[in-house]
Amino acid sequence: MSKSNRNEPTMSVGGSVVETHQVFNQPLPLENFNAFSSDKILQHWLSVFAGTVDTSILTGYGHQVGHELLSAGFEANTHKPEFVSHDRFGRRIDLVKFHPAYHQLMDRAIQAGIHAIPWAGNPSCGHALRAALEYMHNQADSGSGCPLTMTFACVPTISHSPDVAAQWLPKITARQYDERNIPYFEKNGLTIGMAMTEKQGGSDVRANTTWARPVAEPGNGAAYRITGHKWFCSAPMCDGFLVLAQTGSGLSCFLLPRWCPDGSKNTLFIQRLKNKLGNCSNASSEVEFREAFAWLIGEEGRGVPTIIEMVSLTRFDCMVGSSALMRAATAQALHHTSGRSVFGKGLHQQPLMCNVLADLAIEAEAALALSMRVAYALDNIDDEQQKLFARVATAIGKYWICKRAPNHAYEAMECIGGVGYVEDNLLPRIYREAPVNAIWEGSGNVQCLDVLRAFQKEPQSLQVILSEISEAAALDTRMANFVSELQKELNDPDSAELKARRIVEKLALALQASLLLQSGDSDVAEAFVSSRIAADSGLNYGTLNCAEALYQRIMQRARPDLNGA
């Protein structure tokens, strides 16, 4: 590159075109860093909800995320999965081929235990540690997070069938990834997918028409044959799938393997892969079952209660995944603006940009705080209060955090400008990825109605939430006023369903404010309460009404610490 500072075309020399300008005032990409040691906010909330723990696994995985897995994420999303229905000899194989980068992401994650730590790792704070690992992994790639989530979340459900669990769970929780398309009994490590949704039902799984009949005697762990279709089958190259199908006793839960116990290919037929907006490294498919072999999990007619623990855990992962996207978007915006100058000074020093960046930072931190709080509840699920908290806060957080992620990604993209809109940058992928967590495992309306049902069925769950936010109300008058108004709306059951989104939004904001006030950074808490609780700001990011010095401190807290990485 020419050392000249002139940005003007140069003359042609010997028929060759010489460089016309220098590239300057463009920051280097955010890469080759440690996603854990550079993230002071993740370290803080992990310490709040996991105490003093050995973070060596997090530091090690954080290095991988900021180095090779970040690159693998780009590769896996550029080279999408491909469906191969038949081999060259005409045999039906129903094979989905992935780029090696996808297998690299899966292999590293499973070695780190993202799929299994709470079940076969550190039980005292396993969910918190796993959430931190998952949070980092999703910043490199979210698509591979889908089978990781399902493999993690299936354990409580499969445990309902002791015979099946004894055969499958040791391999499901093993830290060994085996991508080969071979029978499950020939592998040491297995992954699990889901196939619940049908065309006519969507979230209303009780409208499913897929049927199952017992091969011999019915009952928990017995063999059945399943016939029907599934509109969405996630990660179709997994070794087994949890499936809902009708029996004579009603909707029931099954584990359907890709390969039958006799070593033959199961009659699961992939119709096509979905051409999705985002989540491109992962395959989602439409499938048909033609007398496919499966084992009943739990009792006939108890399919929804049997699989609900899995659904709840996957909804929790939607919270963590969306929080991770917010963190990645915030980090990109802060890094880029700190390396670019406009109008004579750093872009990140311009007052209005400071307002936007600080606003993005507090939104991302509040999302992580609530996610880690739910992880703490899951780690203490034997405590009835924590169990009730996890039950309701998961639905509240899944609704609110996943709703906030898409616009957050867009605003971060705008901070970066035109470069952020180009596919070579991470922000377009984050933006396309963001909506899926709000849609998957129950859309926003489903979550809000679930919260209302929980309050009606288990009134003590509402008291657990109110008790938590009331502690913070004693610390701030604005918070106290907010909680008082919220309680008035909760006491109006006649219009509760109509106003369900409004109620759940306020519950989410109250929980986030409570966490920030009681356990967070005082600057972040002040900015969050003044803008979200006291409603002293507009609807868009960048409308905070605080002192500029506070914005600078918030930005410094959120900016990736590359010196410590």
Protein backbone atom coordinates (compact mmCIF):
# COMPACT_ATOMS: atom_id res chain seq x y z
CA MET A 1 0.00 0.00 0.00
CA SER A 2 1.23 3.50 -0.81
CA LYS A 3 2.46 5.55 2.14
CA SER A 4 1.03 8.71 0.66
CA ASN A 5 -1.68 10.47 2.67
CA ARG A 6 -3.28 11.84 -0.48
CA ASN A 7 -6.67 10.35 -1.34
CA GLU A 8 -6.63 11.06 -5.05
CA PRO A 9 -6.25 8.83 -8.10
CA THR A 10 -2.71 8.07 -9.23
CA MET A 11 -1.52 7.85 -12.79
CA SER A 12 -1.36 4.67 -14.83
CA VAL A 13 2.14 3.21 -14.96
CA GLY A 14 3.06 0.78 -17.72
CA GLY A 15 -0.58 -0.03 -18.38
CA SER A 16 -1.17 -1.06 -14.72
CA VAL A 17 -3.58 0.79 -12.46
CA VAL A 18 -1.92 1.96 -9.28
CA GLU A 19 -3.83 2.21 -5.99
CA THR A 20 -6.06 5.27 -5.89
CA HIS A 21 -6.31 5.79 -2.14
CA GLN A 22 -5.31 4.66 1.31
CA VAL A 23 -7.72 2.84 3.61
CA PHE A 24 -7.84 4.77 6.86
CA ASN A 25 -10.39 5.70 9.51
CA GLN A 26 -11.73 2.14 9.31
CA PRO A 27 -11.38 0.03 12.48
CA LEU A 28 -10.00 -3.47 12.43
CA PRO A 29 -12.60 -6.25 12.80
CA LEU A 30 -13.47 -7.51 16.26
CA GLU A 31 -11.75 -10.88 16.12
CA ASN A 32 -8.97 -12.88 17.79
CA PHE A 33 -10.22 -12.08 21.28
CA ASN A 34 -11.51 -14.01 24.30
CA ALA A 35 -15.28 -13.85 24.58
CA PHE A 36 -15.14 -14.48 28.33
CA SER A 37 -12.17 -12.55 29.69
CA SER A 38 -13.06 -9.55 27.50
CA ASP A 39 -16.65 -9.46 28.83
CA LYS A 40 -16.78 -7.78 32.25
CA ILE A 41 -20.59 -7.95 32.29
CA LEU A 42 -20.75 -11.71 31.82
CA GLN A 43 -18.14 -12.16 34.53
CA HIS A 44 -20.16 -9.97 36.89
CA TRP A 45 -23.50 -11.78 36.51
CA LEU A 46 -21.86 -15.19 36.64
CA SER A 47 -20.33 -14.23 39.99
CA VAL A 48 -23.70 -12.99 41.23
CA PHE A 49 -25.52 -16.22 40.43
CA ALA A 50 -22.79 -18.87 40.56
CA GLY A 51 -20.49 -17.44 43.22
CA THR A 52 -16.83 -18.31 43.13
CA VAL A 53 -16.44 -21.02 40.53
CA ASP A 54 -13.64 -22.39 38.42
CA THR A 55 -13.85 -20.31 35.24
CA SER A 56 -11.06 -22.09 33.37
CA ILE A 57 -13.55 -23.86 31.08
CA LEU A 58 -15.15 -20.49 30.30
CA THR A 59 -11.83 -18.83 29.59
CA GLY A 60 -10.80 -21.70 27.36
CA TYR A 61 -14.07 -21.72 25.45
CA GLY A 62 -14.10 -17.93 25.27
CA HIS A 63 -10.79 -18.09 23.41
CA GLN A 64 -12.22 -20.56 20.90
CA VAL A 65 -15.33 -18.43 20.37
CA GLY A 66 -13.30 -15.31 19.64
CA HIS A 67 -10.89 -17.12 17.34
CA GLU A 68 -11.61 -20.29 15.34
CA LEU A 69 -15.33 -20.62 16.14
CA LEU A 70 -16.03 -17.05 15.05
CA SER A 71 -14.56 -17.94 11.66
CA ALA A 72 -16.41 -21.25 11.63
CA GLY A 73 -19.67 -19.39 12.23
CA PHE A 74 -19.19 -17.37 9.06
CA GLU A 75 -18.32 -20.48 7.05
CA ALA A 76 -21.21 -22.57 8.36
CA ASN A 77 -23.73 -19.84 7.54
CA THR A 78 -22.27 -19.15 4.09
CA HIS A 79 -22.37 -22.82 3.08
CA LYS A 80 -25.88 -23.91 4.00
CA PRO A 81 -26.91 -27.54 4.64
CA GLU A 82 -27.84 -29.55 1.57
CA PHE A 83 -30.46 -32.31 1.38
CA VAL A 84 -29.64 -35.52 -0.49
CA SER A 85 -32.68 -37.78 -0.78
CA HIS A 86 -31.09 -40.76 -2.58
CA ASP A 87 -27.61 -42.16 -3.08
CA ARG A 88 -26.17 -42.63 -6.55
CA PHE A 89 -27.63 -46.12 -6.75
CA GLY A 90 -31.18 -44.95 -6.09
CA ARG A 91 -31.46 -45.95 -2.44
CA ARG A 92 -33.38 -43.54 -0.21
CA ILE A 93 -30.92 -42.13 2.35
CA ASP A 94 -32.54 -38.88 3.62
CA LEU A 95 -29.16 -37.32 4.27
CA VAL A 96 -28.42 -33.70 5.12
CA LYS A 97 -24.86 -32.63 4.42
CA PHE A 98 -23.22 -29.87 6.45
CA HIS A 99 -20.10 -27.81 5.89
CA PRO A 100 -17.16 -29.00 8.03
CA ALA A 101 -17.35 -25.72 9.96
CA TYR A 102 -20.76 -26.73 11.32
CA HIS A 103 -19.33 -30.00 12.62
CA GLN A 104 -16.44 -28.05 14.13
CA LEU A 105 -18.90 -25.86 16.04
CA MET A 106 -20.84 -28.89 17.27
CA ASP A 107 -17.73 -30.82 18.23
CA ARG A 108 -16.20 -27.98 20.28
CA ALA A 109 -19.49 -27.22 22.03
CA ILE A 110 -20.10 -30.82 23.01
CA GLN A 111 -16.52 -31.22 24.22
CA ALA A 112 -17.14 -28.17 26.44
CA GLY A 113 -20.34 -29.74 27.78
CA ILE A 114 -22.83 -27.13 26.57
CA HIS A 115 -25.33 -29.94 26.05
CA ALA A 116 -24.87 -31.64 29.42
CA ILE A 117 -23.18 -29.73 32.25
CA PRO A 118 -26.27 -29.59 34.53
CA TRP A 119 -26.79 -33.34 34.11
CA ALA A 120 -23.21 -34.59 34.09
CA GLY A 121 -21.02 -31.73 35.22
CA ASN A 122 -21.27 -29.25 38.09
CA PRO A 123 -24.75 -29.74 39.58
CA SER A 124 -24.44 -26.91 42.13
CA CYS A 125 -24.30 -24.19 39.47
CA GLY A 126 -24.48 -26.25 36.30
CA HIS A 127 -27.21 -24.21 34.65
CA ALA A 128 -25.40 -20.94 35.29
CA LEU A 129 -22.11 -22.29 33.91
CA ARG A 130 -23.84 -23.79 30.92
CA ALA A 131 -25.74 -20.56 30.25
CA ALA A 132 -22.43 -18.67 30.19
CA LEU A 133 -20.97 -21.15 27.71
CA GLU A 134 -24.11 -21.08 25.58
CA TYR A 135 -24.12 -17.27 25.71
CA MET A 136 -20.63 -17.19 24.22
CA HIS A 137 -21.28 -19.94 21.67
CA ASN A 138 -24.28 -18.10 20.24
CA GLN A 139 -22.06 -15.11 19.53
CA ALA A 140 -20.11 -17.31 17.10
CA ASP A 141 -23.10 -19.20 15.67
CA SER A 142 -26.71 -19.65 16.72
CA GLY A 143 -27.72 -22.36 14.25
CA SER A 144 -25.64 -25.06 15.92
CA GLY A 145 -27.20 -23.90 19.19
CA CYS A 146 -30.48 -25.51 18.08
CA PRO A 147 -29.42 -29.20 18.32
CA LEU A 148 -27.30 -28.37 21.37
CA THR A 149 -30.37 -26.96 23.09
CA MET A 150 -32.58 -29.91 22.22
CA THR A 151 -29.94 -32.43 23.27
CA PHE A 152 -29.59 -30.62 26.60
CA ALA A 153 -33.31 -30.15 27.18
CA CYS A 154 -34.41 -33.70 26.32
CA VAL A 155 -32.91 -35.25 29.44
CA PRO A 156 -35.79 -34.63 31.90
CA THR A 157 -38.31 -35.84 29.32
CA ILE A 158 -36.50 -39.05 28.35
CA SER A 159 -36.01 -39.74 32.07
CA HIS A 160 -39.75 -40.47 32.25
CA SER A 161 -38.98 -43.81 30.59
CA PRO A 162 -36.33 -45.61 32.71
CA ASP A 163 -35.59 -48.35 30.18
CA VAL A 164 -35.09 -45.93 27.30
CA ALA A 165 -33.17 -43.52 29.53
CA ALA A 166 -30.74 -46.22 30.61
CA GLN A 167 -29.85 -46.89 26.99
CA TRP A 168 -29.83 -43.33 25.64
CA LEU A 169 -28.94 -40.81 28.35
CA PRO A 170 -25.30 -41.91 28.94
CA LYS A 171 -24.64 -41.27 25.25
CA ILE A 172 -26.71 -38.08 25.13
CA THR A 173 -24.70 -36.56 27.98
CA ALA A 174 -21.34 -37.85 26.73
CA ARG A 175 -18.86 -35.20 25.60
CA GLN A 176 -18.33 -36.85 22.25
CA TYR A 177 -19.73 -35.64 18.95
CA ASP A 178 -20.22 -38.21 16.19
CA GLU A 179 -21.51 -36.79 12.91
CA ARG A 180 -21.75 -40.15 11.15
CA ASN A 181 -25.11 -41.36 9.83
CA ILE A 182 -25.01 -44.74 11.55
CA PRO A 183 -27.25 -46.50 14.12
CA TYR A 184 -27.36 -44.97 17.60
CA PHE A 185 -26.08 -48.15 19.25
CA GLU A 186 -22.83 -47.90 17.28
CA LYS A 187 -22.07 -44.41 18.64
CA ASN A 188 -20.66 -43.15 21.92
CA GLY A 189 -22.28 -39.72 21.65
CA LEU A 190 -25.80 -38.85 20.48
CA THR A 191 -27.77 -35.70 19.63
CA ILE A 192 -31.53 -35.19 19.87
CA GLY A 193 -33.99 -33.19 17.77
CA MET A 194 -37.70 -32.39 18.00
CA ALA A 195 -40.65 -32.87 15.67
CA MET A 196 -43.87 -31.53 17.17
CA THR A 197 -45.42 -28.88 14.92
CA GLU A 198 -47.89 -29.84 12.19
CA LYS A 199 -49.37 -27.70 9.41
CA GLN A 200 -52.86 -27.46 10.83
CA GLY A 201 -51.90 -26.90 14.45
CA GLY A 202 -48.83 -24.72 14.92
CA SER A 203 -48.53 -23.99 18.62
CA ASP A 204 -51.77 -25.90 19.22
CA VAL A 205 -50.15 -29.34 19.32
CA ARG A 206 -53.38 -30.92 20.53
CA ALA A 207 -54.63 -30.46 16.96
CA ASN A 208 -51.95 -32.90 15.74
CA THR A 209 -53.18 -35.71 13.51
CA THR A 210 -50.08 -37.95 13.51
CA TRP A 211 -51.01 -41.33 14.98
CA ALA A 212 -49.10 -44.02 16.88
CA ARG A 213 -50.05 -47.65 17.50
CA PRO A 214 -48.26 -50.16 19.75
CA VAL A 215 -46.33 -52.95 18.08
CA ALA A 216 -47.35 -55.34 20.86
CA GLU A 217 -48.32 -54.41 24.42
CA PRO A 218 -48.69 -50.67 24.99
CA GLY A 219 -47.01 -48.81 27.82
CA ASN A 220 -44.10 -46.66 28.88
CA GLY A 221 -40.96 -47.63 26.97
CA ALA A 222 -42.86 -49.94 24.61
CA ALA A 223 -42.37 -49.98 20.83
CA TYR A 224 -44.87 -48.14 18.62
CA ARG A 225 -45.32 -47.39 14.93
CA ILE A 226 -45.96 -43.75 13.98
CA THR A 227 -47.64 -42.47 10.80
CA GLY A 228 -48.10 -38.83 9.90
CA HIS A 229 -46.23 -35.62 9.12
CA LYS A 230 -44.39 -32.80 10.86
CA TRP A 231 -44.26 -29.30 9.44
CA PHE A 232 -41.06 -28.54 11.36
CA CYS A 233 -38.45 -31.12 12.32
CA SER A 234 -35.44 -29.33 13.74
CA ALA A 235 -31.91 -30.63 13.06
CA PRO A 236 -32.99 -33.69 11.02
CA MET A 237 -29.59 -35.38 11.20
CA CYS A 238 -29.88 -35.93 14.95
CA ASP A 239 -29.83 -39.51 16.21
CA GLY A 240 -33.31 -39.37 17.69
CA PHE A 241 -36.35 -37.08 17.85
CA LEU A 242 -38.93 -36.38 20.48
CA VAL A 243 -42.27 -36.55 18.71
CA LEU A 244 -45.88 -35.97 19.71
CA ALA A 245 -48.50 -38.31 18.25
CA GLN A 246 -52.07 -39.35 19.02
CA THR A 247 -52.90 -42.69 20.62
CA GLY A 248 -56.18 -44.13 21.81
CA SER A 249 -55.61 -42.31 25.09
CA GLY A 250 -54.73 -38.96 23.49
CA LEU A 251 -51.60 -37.02 22.59
CA SER A 252 -48.48 -38.92 23.66
CA CYS A 253 -44.71 -38.43 23.60
CA PHE A 254 -42.26 -40.68 21.74
CA LEU A 255 -38.55 -41.02 21.05
CA LEU A 256 -38.14 -41.83 17.36
CA PRO A 257 -34.59 -42.91 16.30
CA ARG A 258 -33.13 -42.30 12.84
CA TRP A 259 -32.13 -45.96 12.79
CA CYS A 260 -34.20 -48.86 14.12
CA PRO A 261 -32.88 -51.24 16.81
CA ASP A 262 -32.33 -53.92 14.14
CA GLY A 263 -29.95 -51.61 12.25
CA SER A 264 -32.33 -50.75 9.41
CA LYS A 265 -33.09 -47.16 8.36
CA ASN A 266 -36.21 -45.92 10.10
CA THR A 267 -39.11 -44.87 7.88
CA LEU A 268 -38.61 -41.18 8.54
CA PHE A 269 -38.62 -39.36 5.19
CA ILE A 270 -37.38 -35.80 4.77
CA GLN A 271 -39.56 -33.92 2.29
CA ARG A 272 -37.47 -30.78 2.02
CA LEU A 273 -35.35 -28.33 4.00
CA LYS A 274 -36.88 -25.01 4.99
CA ASN A 275 -35.51 -21.96 3.22
CA LYS A 276 -35.27 -19.78 6.32
CA LEU A 277 -34.68 -16.10 6.95
CA GLY A 278 -31.87 -16.88 9.37
CA ASN A 279 -30.49 -19.75 11.45
CA CYS A 280 -28.87 -20.83 8.20
CA SER A 281 -26.12 -23.10 9.50
CA ASN A 282 -28.80 -25.35 10.99
CA ALA A 283 -31.18 -27.46 8.94
CA SER A 284 -34.93 -27.39 9.56
CA SER A 285 -37.11 -29.79 7.61
CA GLU A 286 -40.53 -31.15 6.78
CA VAL A 287 -40.83 -34.88 7.39
CA GLU A 288 -43.21 -37.78 7.01
CA PHE A 289 -43.40 -40.90 9.17
CA ARG A 290 -44.63 -44.09 7.51
CA GLU A 291 -45.02 -46.66 10.25
CA ALA A 292 -41.82 -45.29 11.81
CA PHE A 293 -40.44 -47.09 14.86
CA ALA A 294 -40.50 -45.23 18.20
CA TRP A 295 -40.64 -45.80 21.96
CA LEU A 296 -43.37 -44.33 24.14
CA ILE A 297 -41.97 -41.90 26.71
CA GLY A 298 -44.16 -41.66 29.79
CA GLU A 299 -47.82 -42.60 29.77
CA GLU A 300 -50.20 -42.62 26.83
CA GLY A 301 -52.26 -39.46 26.70
CA ARG A 302 -49.71 -37.53 28.79
CA GLY A 303 -47.62 -36.22 25.91
CA VAL A 304 -47.78 -32.54 26.76
CA PRO A 305 -46.97 -32.92 30.49
CA THR A 306 -44.15 -35.32 29.56
CA ILE A 307 -42.48 -32.99 27.09
CA ILE A 308 -43.22 -29.72 28.91
CA GLU A 309 -39.95 -29.79 30.87
CA MET A 310 -38.06 -29.96 27.60
CA VAL A 311 -40.11 -27.10 26.18
CA SER A 312 -39.45 -24.99 29.25
CA LEU A 313 -35.70 -25.52 28.98
CA THR A 314 -35.66 -24.72 25.28
CA ARG A 315 -37.58 -21.53 26.03
CA PHE A 316 -34.93 -20.65 28.58
CA ASP A 317 -32.31 -21.15 25.89
CA CYS A 318 -34.24 -18.74 23.66
CA MET A 319 -33.69 -16.12 26.38
CA VAL A 320 -29.99 -16.85 26.59
CA GLY A 321 -29.63 -16.97 22.81
CA SER A 322 -31.31 -13.60 22.30
CA SER A 323 -29.25 -12.10 25.11
CA ALA A 324 -26.14 -13.39 23.34
CA LEU A 325 -27.19 -11.74 20.07
CA MET A 326 -27.65 -8.45 21.93
CA ARG A 327 -24.21 -8.79 23.47
CA ALA A 328 -22.59 -9.54 20.12
CA ALA A 329 -24.38 -6.61 18.45
CA THR A 330 -23.42 -4.23 21.28
CA ALA A 331 -19.81 -5.37 21.21
CA GLN A 332 -19.61 -4.85 17.46
CA ALA A 333 -21.12 -1.36 17.71
CA LEU A 334 -18.84 -0.29 20.56
CA HIS A 335 -15.74 -1.70 18.91
CA HIS A 336 -16.46 -0.12 15.53
CA THR A 337 -17.37 3.33 16.81
CA SER A 338 -14.31 3.45 19.06
CA GLY A 339 -12.08 2.98 16.03
CA ARG A 340 -13.69 5.55 13.75
CA SER A 341 -13.57 9.37 13.77
CA VAL A 342 -16.18 11.84 12.53
CA PHE A 343 -16.25 15.61 12.68
CA GLY A 344 -12.89 15.77 14.36
CA LYS A 345 -13.22 13.23 17.17
CA GLY A 346 -13.97 9.60 17.86
CA LEU A 347 -17.42 8.49 16.80
CA HIS A 348 -17.96 6.89 20.21
CA GLN A 349 -17.25 10.28 21.82
CA GLN A 350 -19.99 12.12 19.95
CA PRO A 351 -22.72 12.90 22.54
CA LEU A 352 -25.66 11.52 20.58
CA MET A 353 -23.80 8.35 19.64
CA CYS A 354 -22.87 7.93 23.31
CA ASN A 355 -26.57 8.00 24.12
CA VAL A 356 -27.34 5.29 21.57
CA LEU A 357 -24.45 3.05 22.56
CA ALA A 358 -25.19 3.31 26.28
CA ASP A 359 -28.85 2.52 25.60
CA LEU A 360 -27.89 -0.60 23.64
CA ALA A 361 -25.52 -1.62 26.42
CA ILE A 362 -28.07 -1.41 29.24
CA GLU A 363 -30.63 -3.37 27.19
CA ALA A 364 -28.13 -6.15 26.58
CA GLU A 365 -27.03 -6.26 30.21
CA ALA A 366 -30.60 -6.36 31.51
CA ALA A 367 -31.31 -9.31 29.21
CA LEU A 368 -28.29 -11.22 30.49
CA ALA A 369 -29.13 -10.43 34.13
CA LEU A 370 -32.63 -11.89 33.81
CA SER A 371 -31.34 -14.95 31.94
CA MET A 372 -28.76 -15.67 34.62
CA ARG A 373 -31.37 -15.16 37.34
CA VAL A 374 -33.49 -17.89 35.74
CA ALA A 375 -30.39 -20.09 35.49
CA TYR A 376 -29.95 -19.64 39.25
CA ALA A 377 -33.56 -20.72 39.79
CA LEU A 378 -32.98 -23.82 37.67
CA ASP A 379 -29.89 -24.63 39.73
CA ASN A 380 -32.05 -24.46 42.86
CA ILE A 381 -35.18 -26.08 41.46
CA ASP A 382 -35.69 -28.22 44.59
CA ASP A 383 -36.64 -25.01 46.40
CA GLU A 384 -40.36 -24.51 45.73
CA GLN A 385 -39.97 -20.72 45.51
CA GLN A 386 -37.23 -21.03 42.90
CA LYS A 387 -39.24 -23.62 40.99
CA LEU A 388 -42.20 -21.25 40.79
CA PHE A 389 -39.91 -18.39 39.79
CA ALA A 390 -38.36 -20.42 36.97
CA ARG A 391 -41.80 -21.51 35.77
CA VAL A 392 -43.08 -17.95 35.29
CA ALA A 393 -39.90 -15.95 34.70
CA THR A 394 -38.96 -18.22 31.80
CA ALA A 395 -42.14 -17.29 29.94
CA ILE A 396 -41.79 -13.61 30.87
CA GLY A 397 -38.17 -13.49 29.77
CA LYS A 398 -38.75 -15.53 26.64
CA TYR A 399 -41.42 -13.06 25.58
CA TRP A 400 -39.59 -9.84 26.37
CA ILE A 401 -35.93 -10.55 25.61
CA CYS A 402 -36.70 -12.28 22.33
CA LYS A 403 -38.99 -9.39 21.33
CA ARG A 404 -36.27 -6.83 22.04
CA ALA A 405 -33.49 -8.54 20.09
CA PRO A 406 -34.44 -7.70 16.44
CA ASN A 407 -34.69 -3.93 16.88
CA HIS A 408 -31.58 -3.99 19.06
CA ALA A 409 -29.66 -5.66 16.22
CA TYR A 410 -30.91 -3.11 13.71
CA GLU A 411 -29.87 -0.19 15.91
CA ALA A 412 -26.39 -1.65 16.38
CA MET A 413 -26.15 -2.08 12.61
CA GLU A 414 -27.00 1.58 12.14
CA CYS A 415 -24.21 2.57 14.54
CA ILE A 416 -21.74 0.85 12.25
CA GLY A 417 -23.30 2.29 9.12
CA GLY A 418 -22.95 0.94 5.60
CA VAL A 419 -20.25 -1.55 6.55
CA GLY A 420 -22.64 -3.06 9.07
CA TYR A 421 -25.20 -3.69 6.31
CA VAL A 422 -22.75 -5.69 4.22
CA GLU A 423 -22.85 -9.48 4.56
CA ASP A 424 -19.14 -9.67 5.37
CA ASN A 425 -20.02 -8.14 8.74
CA LEU A 426 -21.58 -10.03 11.64
CA LEU A 427 -24.58 -7.69 12.04
CA PRO A 428 -26.64 -8.90 9.04
CA ARG A 429 -26.48 -12.45 10.39
CA ILE A 430 -27.47 -11.28 13.87
CA TYR A 431 -30.36 -9.28 12.42
CA ARG A 432 -31.70 -12.27 10.45
CA GLU A 433 -31.15 -14.58 13.39
CA ALA A 434 -32.93 -12.42 15.96
CA PRO A 435 -36.62 -13.16 15.13
CA VAL A 436 -36.41 -16.94 15.43
CA ASN A 437 -36.23 -17.09 19.22
CA ALA A 438 -39.46 -15.13 19.50
CA ILE A 439 -41.20 -17.58 17.15
CA TRP A 440 -39.70 -20.94 18.12
CA GLU A 441 -41.16 -22.80 21.11
CA GLY A 442 -44.22 -20.59 21.40
CA SER A 443 -44.67 -17.11 19.98
CA GLY A 444 -45.16 -13.96 22.05
CA ASN A 445 -48.89 -14.42 22.56
CA VAL A 446 -48.38 -18.02 23.68
CA GLN A 447 -45.87 -16.88 26.32
CA CYS A 448 -48.14 -14.14 27.63
CA LEU A 449 -51.12 -16.47 27.93
CA ASP A 450 -48.87 -19.02 29.61
CA VAL A 451 -47.98 -16.42 32.26
CA LEU A 452 -51.65 -15.69 32.91
CA ARG A 453 -52.45 -19.40 33.16
CA ALA A 454 -49.63 -19.92 35.62
CA PHE A 455 -50.88 -17.08 37.83
CA GLN A 456 -54.40 -18.52 37.75
CA LYS A 457 -53.40 -22.13 38.32
CA GLU A 458 -50.64 -21.40 40.86
CA PRO A 459 -51.38 -18.01 42.48
CA GLN A 460 -48.27 -18.38 44.63
CA SER A 461 -46.16 -18.00 41.49
CA LEU A 462 -47.38 -14.43 41.16
CA GLN A 463 -46.50 -13.78 44.78
CA VAL A 464 -42.96 -15.08 44.19
CA ILE A 465 -42.49 -12.58 41.34
CA LEU A 466 -44.03 -9.71 43.29
CA SER A 467 -41.92 -10.50 46.34
CA GLU A 468 -38.75 -10.29 44.27
CA ILE A 469 -39.56 -6.97 42.63
CA SER A 470 -40.92 -5.51 45.86
CA GLU A 471 -37.48 -5.80 47.43
CA ALA A 472 -36.16 -3.45 44.75
CA ALA A 473 -39.15 -1.13 45.15
CA ALA A 474 -37.88 -0.34 48.62
CA LEU A 475 -34.65 0.98 47.06
CA ASP A 476 -36.11 3.44 44.54
CA THR A 477 -39.26 5.57 44.62
CA ARG A 478 -39.70 5.33 40.86
CA MET A 479 -39.59 1.57 41.09
CA ALA A 480 -42.09 1.61 43.95
CA ASN A 481 -44.54 3.65 41.85
CA PHE A 482 -44.08 1.32 38.90
CA VAL A 483 -44.75 -1.79 40.98
CA SER A 484 -47.83 -0.15 42.52
CA GLU A 485 -49.31 0.54 39.08
CA LEU A 486 -48.43 -2.97 37.93
CA GLN A 487 -50.30 -4.50 40.84
CA LYS A 488 -53.41 -2.50 39.92
CA GLU A 489 -53.36 -4.01 36.43
CA LEU A 490 -52.83 -7.48 37.84
CA ASN A 491 -55.89 -7.00 40.02
CA ASP A 492 -58.12 -6.50 36.97
CA PRO A 493 -58.73 -10.06 35.78
CA ASP A 494 -61.59 -9.14 33.44
CA SER A 495 -59.24 -7.48 30.94
CA ALA A 496 -56.13 -9.54 31.70
CA GLU A 497 -56.06 -11.49 28.42
CA LEU A 498 -56.63 -8.40 26.32
CA LYS A 499 -53.80 -6.62 28.10
CA ALA A 500 -51.58 -9.67 28.50
CA ARG A 501 -48.67 -8.26 26.50
CA ARG A 502 -48.75 -5.02 28.45
CA ILE A 503 -48.77 -6.90 31.76
CA VAL A 504 -45.93 -9.26 30.81
CA GLU A 505 -43.86 -6.38 29.45
CA LYS A 506 -44.18 -4.57 32.76
CA LEU A 507 -43.32 -7.73 34.68
CA ALA A 508 -40.19 -8.16 32.56
CA LEU A 509 -39.10 -4.56 33.06
CA ALA A 510 -39.74 -4.81 36.79
CA LEU A 511 -37.68 -8.00 37.08
CA GLN A 512 -34.81 -6.53 35.08
CA ALA A 513 -34.85 -3.30 37.09
CA SER A 514 -34.97 -5.30 40.32
CA LEU A 515 -31.86 -7.25 39.36
CA LEU A 516 -29.95 -4.17 38.29
CA LEU A 517 -30.88 -2.22 41.42
CA GLN A 518 -30.05 -5.03 43.82
CA SER A 519 -27.06 -6.72 42.18
CA GLY A 520 -25.93 -4.62 39.25
CA ASP A 521 -23.82 -1.60 38.42
CA SER A 522 -25.28 1.64 39.81
CA ASP A 523 -24.84 3.56 36.55
CA VAL A 524 -26.57 0.88 34.51
CA ALA A 525 -29.36 0.65 37.10
CA GLU A 526 -29.91 4.42 37.05
CA ALA A 527 -30.05 4.59 33.27
CA PHE A 528 -32.39 1.60 33.08
CA VAL A 529 -34.78 2.84 35.77
CA SER A 530 -34.94 6.39 34.45
CA SER A 531 -35.65 5.23 30.88
CA ARG A 532 -37.70 2.04 31.31
CA ILE A 533 -39.35 2.39 34.72
CA ALA A 534 -39.83 6.15 35.10
CA ALA A 535 -40.60 6.35 31.37
CA ASP A 536 -38.42 9.42 30.93
CA SER A 537 -37.29 8.40 27.45
CA GLY A 538 -38.75 7.84 24.00
CA LEU A 539 -39.41 4.58 22.26
CA ASN A 540 -36.23 4.49 20.19
CA TYR A 541 -32.71 3.75 21.39
CA GLY A 542 -30.64 6.83 22.10
CA THR A 543 -33.27 8.74 24.05
CA LEU A 544 -31.78 8.36 27.53
CA ASN A 545 -31.94 11.45 29.72
CA CYS A 546 -28.86 11.22 31.94
CA ALA A 547 -25.52 12.95 32.32
CA GLU A 548 -23.03 12.27 29.52
CA ALA A 549 -20.41 11.08 32.00
CA LEU A 550 -22.75 8.25 32.99
CA TYR A 551 -23.01 7.15 29.35
CA GLN A 552 -19.25 7.01 29.08
CA ARG A 553 -18.99 4.77 32.15
CA ILE A 554 -21.70 2.45 30.83
CA MET A 555 -19.95 2.20 27.47
CA GLN A 556 -16.63 1.47 29.12
CA ARG A 557 -18.23 -1.32 31.14
CA ALA A 558 -19.73 -2.92 28.02
CA ARG A 559 -16.84 -2.41 25.58
CA PRO A 560 -14.89 -5.63 24.91
CA ASP A 561 -11.75 -5.49 27.01
CA LEU A 562 -9.22 -6.62 24.44
CA ASN A 563 -6.35 -5.95 26.83
CA GLY A 564 -7.78 -8.54 29.18
CA ALA A 565 -8.61 -10.94 26.35
